[in-house]
Amino acid sequence: MSSQSNDFRVSSETMAEMEAIVSTCDVETAHRIFKALADDRRILILRLLEESELCVCDLVELFDIEYSKLSYHLKQLKEAGLVTADREGNYVTYRPTECGEDVVDIVHRLC
């Protein structure tokens, strides 16, 4: 991003720092995370996973919704990089990723 003039309201050094942010910020990842958090249930799922690894069967009981709908919500969280899944016998358990833990910390402060 270049400017026709050096007449910025901020210093040239600050403008250079701002241009670096614009060129390096991973907006797509942030967008996926915010999109995944745009549903109340997904926020609550992350909050619950802070307390314990849970399987879909546990979450179905807590939310009283269909297995397929809950699986969809977990898929959205997984695609956003907020949760990961591990197979334990017949069960798939979910837990927050490192990024998910950072988001959970923010969610925990809010609810």
C-alpha atoms as a PDB file:
ATOM      1  CA  MET A   1       0.000   0.000   0.000  1.00  0.00           C
ATOM      2  CA  SER A   2       1.662   3.183  -1.100  1.00  0.00           C
ATOM      3  CA  SER A   3       0.542   6.730  -0.694  1.00  0.00           C
ATOM      4  CA  GLN A   4       0.893   9.615  -3.105  1.00  0.00           C
ATOM      5  CA  SER A   5       1.932  11.881  -0.267  1.00  0.00           C
ATOM      6  CA  ASN A   6       3.779  11.689   3.019  1.00  0.00           C
ATOM      7  CA  ASP A   7       1.207  13.953   4.664  1.00  0.00           C
ATOM      8  CA  PHE A   8      -0.138  11.488   7.239  1.00  0.00           C
ATOM      9  CA  ARG A   9      -1.873  12.475  10.442  1.00  0.00           C
ATOM     10  CA  VAL A  10       0.365   9.926  12.184  1.00  0.00           C
ATOM     11  CA  SER A  11       4.133   9.670  11.947  1.00  0.00           C
ATOM     12  CA  SER A  12       5.775   7.900   9.004  1.00  0.00           C
ATOM     13  CA  GLU A  13       6.999   5.191  11.396  1.00  0.00           C
ATOM     14  CA  THR A  14       3.480   4.584  12.700  1.00  0.00           C
ATOM     15  CA  MET A  15       2.140   4.501   9.141  1.00  0.00           C
ATOM     16  CA  ALA A  16       4.794   1.919   8.193  1.00  0.00           C
ATOM     17  CA  GLU A  17       3.735  -0.210  11.190  1.00  0.00           C
ATOM     18  CA  MET A  18       0.077   0.080  10.140  1.00  0.00           C
ATOM     19  CA  GLU A  19       0.928  -0.947   6.561  1.00  0.00           C
ATOM     20  CA  ALA A  20       2.780  -3.996   7.936  1.00  0.00           C
ATOM     21  CA  ILE A  21      -0.315  -4.993   9.920  1.00  0.00           C
ATOM     22  CA  VAL A  22      -2.532  -4.648   6.855  1.00  0.00           C
ATOM     23  CA  SER A  23      -0.205  -6.791   4.749  1.00  0.00           C
ATOM     24  CA  THR A  24       0.400  -9.551   7.320  1.00  0.00           C
ATOM     25  CA  CYS A  25      -2.847  -9.869   9.297  1.00  0.00           C
ATOM     26  CA  ASP A  26      -4.513 -13.256   8.750  1.00  0.00           C
ATOM     27  CA  VAL A  27      -8.046 -11.922   8.433  1.00  0.00           C
ATOM     28  CA  GLU A  28      -9.386 -15.195   7.005  1.00  0.00           C
ATOM     29  CA  THR A  29      -8.501 -17.114  10.168  1.00  0.00           C
ATOM     30  CA  ALA A  30     -10.045 -14.434  12.350  1.00  0.00           C
ATOM     31  CA  HIS A  31     -13.162 -14.486  10.175  1.00  0.00           C
ATOM     32  CA  ARG A  32     -13.515 -18.290  10.555  1.00  0.00           C
ATOM     33  CA  ILE A  33     -13.189 -17.981  14.329  1.00  0.00           C
ATOM     34  CA  PHE A  34     -15.761 -15.193  14.614  1.00  0.00           C
ATOM     35  CA  LYS A  35     -18.126 -17.031  12.279  1.00  0.00           C
ATOM     36  CA  ALA A  36     -17.840 -20.149  14.448  1.00  0.00           C
ATOM     37  CA  LEU A  37     -18.609 -18.066  17.533  1.00  0.00           C
ATOM     38  CA  ALA A  38     -21.702 -16.513  15.935  1.00  0.00           C
ATOM     39  CA  ASP A  39     -23.905 -19.218  17.461  1.00  0.00           C
ATOM     40  CA  ASP A  40     -24.885 -19.341  21.136  1.00  0.00           C
ATOM     41  CA  ARG A  41     -24.530 -23.114  21.348  1.00  0.00           C
ATOM     42  CA  ARG A  42     -20.996 -23.075  19.998  1.00  0.00           C
ATOM     43  CA  ILE A  43     -19.960 -20.498  22.583  1.00  0.00           C
ATOM     44  CA  LEU A  44     -21.482 -22.644  25.323  1.00  0.00           C
ATOM     45  CA  ILE A  45     -19.815 -25.774  23.919  1.00  0.00           C
ATOM     46  CA  LEU A  46     -16.416 -24.080  24.150  1.00  0.00           C
ATOM     47  CA  ARG A  47     -17.188 -22.955  27.692  1.00  0.00           C
ATOM     48  CA  LEU A  48     -18.128 -26.537  28.667  1.00  0.00           C
ATOM     49  CA  LEU A  49     -15.020 -27.976  27.030  1.00  0.00           C
ATOM     50  CA  GLU A  50     -12.974 -25.715  29.267  1.00  0.00           C
ATOM     51  CA  GLU A  51     -14.179 -27.828  32.174  1.00  0.00           C
ATOM     52  CA  SER A  52     -13.787 -31.289  30.650  1.00  0.00           C
ATOM     53  CA  GLU A  53     -13.244 -33.206  27.444  1.00  0.00           C
ATOM     54  CA  LEU A  54     -16.697 -34.239  26.277  1.00  0.00           C
ATOM     55  CA  CYS A  55     -18.142 -36.531  23.644  1.00  0.00           C
ATOM     56  CA  VAL A  56     -21.146 -35.780  21.452  1.00  0.00           C
ATOM     57  CA  CYS A  57     -23.303 -38.033  23.628  1.00  0.00           C
ATOM     58  CA  ASP A  58     -22.492 -35.877  26.691  1.00  0.00           C
ATOM     59  CA  LEU A  59     -23.267 -32.678  24.829  1.00  0.00           C
ATOM     60  CA  VAL A  60     -26.519 -34.051  23.391  1.00  0.00           C
ATOM     61  CA  GLU A  61     -27.746 -34.579  26.961  1.00  0.00           C
ATOM     62  CA  LEU A  62     -26.773 -31.068  28.017  1.00  0.00           C
ATOM     63  CA  PHE A  63     -28.324 -29.306  25.029  1.00  0.00           C
ATOM     64  CA  ASP A  64     -31.252 -31.632  24.328  1.00  0.00           C
ATOM     65  CA  ILE A  65     -30.779 -31.419  20.562  1.00  0.00           C
ATOM     66  CA  GLU A  66     -30.293 -34.019  17.872  1.00  0.00           C
ATOM     67  CA  TYR A  67     -26.937 -35.727  17.517  1.00  0.00           C
ATOM     68  CA  SER A  68     -26.583 -34.532  13.911  1.00  0.00           C
ATOM     69  CA  LYS A  69     -27.132 -30.888  14.867  1.00  0.00           C
ATOM     70  CA  LEU A  70     -24.578 -31.098  17.639  1.00  0.00           C
ATOM     71  CA  SER A  71     -22.102 -32.774  15.306  1.00  0.00           C
ATOM     72  CA  TYR A  72     -22.574 -29.850  12.914  1.00  0.00           C
ATOM     73  CA  HIS A  73     -21.722 -27.342  15.657  1.00  0.00           C
ATOM     74  CA  LEU A  74     -18.614 -29.322  16.613  1.00  0.00           C
ATOM     75  CA  LYS A  75     -17.590 -29.476  12.955  1.00  0.00           C
ATOM     76  CA  GLN A  76     -17.820 -25.674  12.734  1.00  0.00           C
ATOM     77  CA  LEU A  77     -15.644 -25.300  15.839  1.00  0.00           C
ATOM     78  CA  LYS A  78     -13.167 -27.847  14.515  1.00  0.00           C
ATOM     79  CA  GLU A  79     -12.922 -26.181  11.090  1.00  0.00           C
ATOM     80  CA  ALA A  80     -12.262 -22.859  12.833  1.00  0.00           C
ATOM     81  CA  GLY A  81      -9.365 -24.490  14.684  1.00  0.00           C
ATOM     82  CA  LEU A  82     -11.002 -24.065  18.083  1.00  0.00           C
ATOM     83  CA  VAL A  83     -11.457 -27.729  19.045  1.00  0.00           C
ATOM     84  CA  THR A  84      -9.772 -31.004  18.310  1.00  0.00           C
ATOM     85  CA  ALA A  85     -11.122 -34.543  18.534  1.00  0.00           C
ATOM     86  CA  ASP A  86      -9.613 -37.753  19.893  1.00  0.00           C
ATOM     87  CA  ARG A  87     -11.037 -41.236  19.554  1.00  0.00           C
ATOM     88  CA  GLU A  88     -11.339 -43.212  22.781  1.00  0.00           C
ATOM     89  CA  GLY A  89     -12.787 -46.602  21.902  1.00  0.00           C
ATOM     90  CA  ASN A  90     -16.292 -46.037  20.573  1.00  0.00           C
ATOM     91  CA  TYR A  91     -16.304 -42.383  21.622  1.00  0.00           C
ATOM     92  CA  VAL A  92     -14.890 -39.269  20.008  1.00  0.00           C
ATOM     93  CA  THR A  93     -14.055 -36.694  22.639  1.00  0.00           C
ATOM     94  CA  TYR A  94     -13.541 -32.997  22.011  1.00  0.00           C
ATOM     95  CA  ARG A  95     -11.308 -30.490  23.712  1.00  0.00           C
ATOM     96  CA  PRO A  96     -10.144 -26.963  22.925  1.00  0.00           C
ATOM     97  CA  THR A  97      -7.027 -26.386  20.835  1.00  0.00           C
ATOM     98  CA  GLU A  98      -4.482 -23.836  22.015  1.00  0.00           C
ATOM     99  CA  CYS A  99      -6.339 -21.182  20.021  1.00  0.00           C
ATOM    100  CA  GLY A 100      -9.606 -22.507  21.445  1.00  0.00           C
ATOM    101  CA  GLU A 101      -8.230 -22.149  24.970  1.00  0.00           C
ATOM    102  CA  ASP A 102      -7.420 -18.496  24.270  1.00  0.00           C
ATOM    103  CA  VAL A 103     -10.982 -17.960  23.039  1.00  0.00           C
ATOM    104  CA  VAL A 104     -12.379 -19.873  26.038  1.00  0.00           C
ATOM    105  CA  ASP A 105     -10.475 -17.545  28.365  1.00  0.00           C
ATOM    106  CA  ILE A 106     -12.246 -14.583  26.779  1.00  0.00           C
ATOM    107  CA  VAL A 107     -15.617 -16.369  26.838  1.00  0.00           C
ATOM    108  CA  HIS A 108     -15.093 -17.317  30.490  1.00  0.00           C
ATOM    109  CA  ARG A 109     -14.575 -13.675  31.393  1.00  0.00           C
ATOM    110  CA  LEU A 110     -17.804 -12.757  29.604  1.00  0.00           C
ATOM    111  CA  CYS A 111     -20.125 -15.498  30.917  1.00  0.00           C
END
